[in-house]
Amino acid sequence: MSKAVEVEDLYFTYLGSRRPSLRGVSFTLDEGETLLIVGPSGAGKST
């Protein structure tokens, strides 16, 4: 299968924040694969 999405060393910081919410996130999705993001309510999953 070929890569559909590849993310390497992703960081994200909310405007006005000093610390990144995401630090060094890396993943690859191949064609036909699904990524599920889980966590408690208010954890920022929809961001």
N, C-alpha and C. Protein backbone atom coordinates (compact mmCIF):
# COMPACT_ATOMS: atom_id res chain seq x y z
N MET A 1 0.84 -1.19 0.00
CA MET A 1 0.00 0.00 0.00
C MET A 1 0.88 1.25 0.00
N SER A 2 0.36 2.32 -0.55
CA SER A 2 1.12 3.56 -0.57
C SER A 2 0.68 4.47 0.58
N LYS A 3 1.57 5.35 0.97
CA LYS A 3 1.28 6.29 2.05
C LYS A 3 0.26 7.32 1.59
N ALA A 4 -0.76 7.53 2.40
CA ALA A 4 -1.76 8.55 2.10
C ALA A 4 -1.46 9.82 2.87
N VAL A 5 -0.99 9.66 4.12
CA VAL A 5 -0.66 10.80 4.98
C VAL A 5 0.57 10.44 5.79
N GLU A 6 1.52 11.36 5.87
CA GLU A 6 2.69 11.16 6.72
C GLU A 6 2.95 12.45 7.49
N VAL A 7 3.03 12.35 8.80
CA VAL A 7 3.30 13.49 9.67
C VAL A 7 4.54 13.15 10.48
N GLU A 8 5.50 14.08 10.51
CA GLU A 8 6.73 13.85 11.26
C GLU A 8 7.02 15.03 12.18
N ASP A 9 7.21 14.74 13.46
CA ASP A 9 7.66 15.71 14.45
C ASP A 9 6.76 16.95 14.52
N LEU A 10 5.46 16.74 14.60
CA LEU A 10 4.47 17.81 14.64
C LEU A 10 4.39 18.42 16.03
N TYR A 11 4.41 19.73 16.09
CA TYR A 11 4.21 20.49 17.33
C TYR A 11 3.06 21.45 17.10
N PHE A 12 2.25 21.70 18.13
CA PHE A 12 1.16 22.67 18.04
C PHE A 12 1.07 23.42 19.35
N THR A 13 1.00 24.76 19.26
CA THR A 13 0.86 25.61 20.44
C THR A 13 -0.35 26.52 20.23
N TYR A 14 -1.26 26.54 21.19
CA TYR A 14 -2.40 27.44 21.13
C TYR A 14 -1.94 28.88 21.23
N LEU A 15 -2.62 29.77 20.52
CA LEU A 15 -2.34 31.20 20.58
C LEU A 15 -2.42 31.67 22.03
N GLY A 16 -1.40 32.35 22.49
CA GLY A 16 -1.38 32.85 23.85
C GLY A 16 -0.76 31.89 24.85
N SER A 17 -0.44 30.68 24.41
CA SER A 17 0.17 29.69 25.30
C SER A 17 1.68 29.67 25.09
N ARG A 18 2.40 29.31 26.12
CA ARG A 18 3.86 29.22 26.00
C ARG A 18 4.33 27.79 25.75
N ARG A 19 3.50 26.83 26.11
CA ARG A 19 3.88 25.43 25.97
C ARG A 19 3.08 24.76 24.86
N PRO A 20 3.73 23.95 24.03
CA PRO A 20 2.99 23.24 22.98
C PRO A 20 2.05 22.19 23.56
N SER A 21 0.88 22.07 22.95
CA SER A 21 -0.08 21.03 23.34
C SER A 21 0.29 19.70 22.71
N LEU A 22 0.84 19.75 21.51
CA LEU A 22 1.34 18.56 20.84
C LEU A 22 2.85 18.70 20.72
N ARG A 23 3.56 17.64 21.02
CA ARG A 23 5.03 17.67 20.99
C ARG A 23 5.58 16.44 20.28
N GLY A 24 6.18 16.64 19.14
CA GLY A 24 6.87 15.56 18.46
C GLY A 24 5.99 14.42 17.96
N VAL A 25 4.77 14.73 17.56
CA VAL A 25 3.84 13.70 17.07
C VAL A 25 4.24 13.27 15.66
N SER A 26 4.35 11.97 15.46
CA SER A 26 4.67 11.41 14.14
C SER A 26 3.79 10.20 13.87
N PHE A 27 3.30 10.09 12.64
CA PHE A 27 2.53 8.91 12.24
C PHE A 27 2.43 8.85 10.73
N THR A 28 2.13 7.66 10.23
CA THR A 28 1.90 7.44 8.81
C THR A 28 0.60 6.66 8.66
N LEU A 29 -0.24 7.10 7.74
CA LEU A 29 -1.46 6.37 7.40
C LEU A 29 -1.33 5.89 5.96
N ASP A 30 -1.52 4.61 5.77
CA ASP A 30 -1.53 4.05 4.43
C ASP A 30 -2.95 4.12 3.88
N GLU A 31 -3.07 3.97 2.57
CA GLU A 31 -4.40 3.96 1.95
C GLU A 31 -5.28 2.93 2.65
N GLY A 32 -6.51 3.33 2.95
CA GLY A 32 -7.47 2.42 3.57
C GLY A 32 -7.39 2.35 5.09
N GLU A 33 -6.38 2.95 5.69
CA GLU A 33 -6.27 2.95 7.15
C GLU A 33 -7.05 4.11 7.74
N THR A 34 -7.42 3.97 9.00
CA THR A 34 -8.17 4.98 9.73
C THR A 34 -7.42 5.33 11.00
N LEU A 35 -7.43 6.60 11.35
CA LEU A 35 -6.80 7.07 12.59
C LEU A 35 -7.90 7.44 13.57
N LEU A 36 -7.83 6.90 14.77
CA LEU A 36 -8.79 7.19 15.82
C LEU A 36 -8.08 7.95 16.92
N ILE A 37 -8.62 9.10 17.29
CA ILE A 37 -8.07 9.90 18.38
C ILE A 37 -9.02 9.81 19.56
N VAL A 38 -8.52 9.31 20.68
CA VAL A 38 -9.34 9.11 21.87
C VAL A 38 -8.74 9.87 23.05
N GLY A 39 -9.60 10.22 23.99
CA GLY A 39 -9.15 10.89 25.20
C GLY A 39 -10.34 11.41 25.97
N PRO A 40 -10.08 11.90 27.17
CA PRO A 40 -11.18 12.40 28.00
C PRO A 40 -11.80 13.67 27.43
N SER A 41 -13.00 13.96 27.87
CA SER A 41 -13.69 15.17 27.46
C SER A 41 -12.86 16.40 27.84
N GLY A 42 -12.74 17.34 26.90
CA GLY A 42 -11.98 18.56 27.16
C GLY A 42 -10.49 18.44 26.92
N ALA A 43 -10.05 17.31 26.36
CA ALA A 43 -8.62 17.09 26.15
C ALA A 43 -8.09 17.73 24.87
N GLY A 44 -8.98 18.24 24.00
CA GLY A 44 -8.55 18.90 22.77
C GLY A 44 -8.54 18.02 21.54
N LYS A 45 -9.30 16.94 21.55
CA LYS A 45 -9.32 16.02 20.42
C LYS A 45 -9.79 16.67 19.13
N SER A 46 -10.73 17.57 19.21
CA SER A 46 -11.27 18.18 17.99
C SER A 46 -10.37 19.28 17.45
N THR A 47 -9.39 19.70 18.20
CA THR A 47 -8.45 20.72 17.73
C THR A 47 -7.59 20.14 16.65
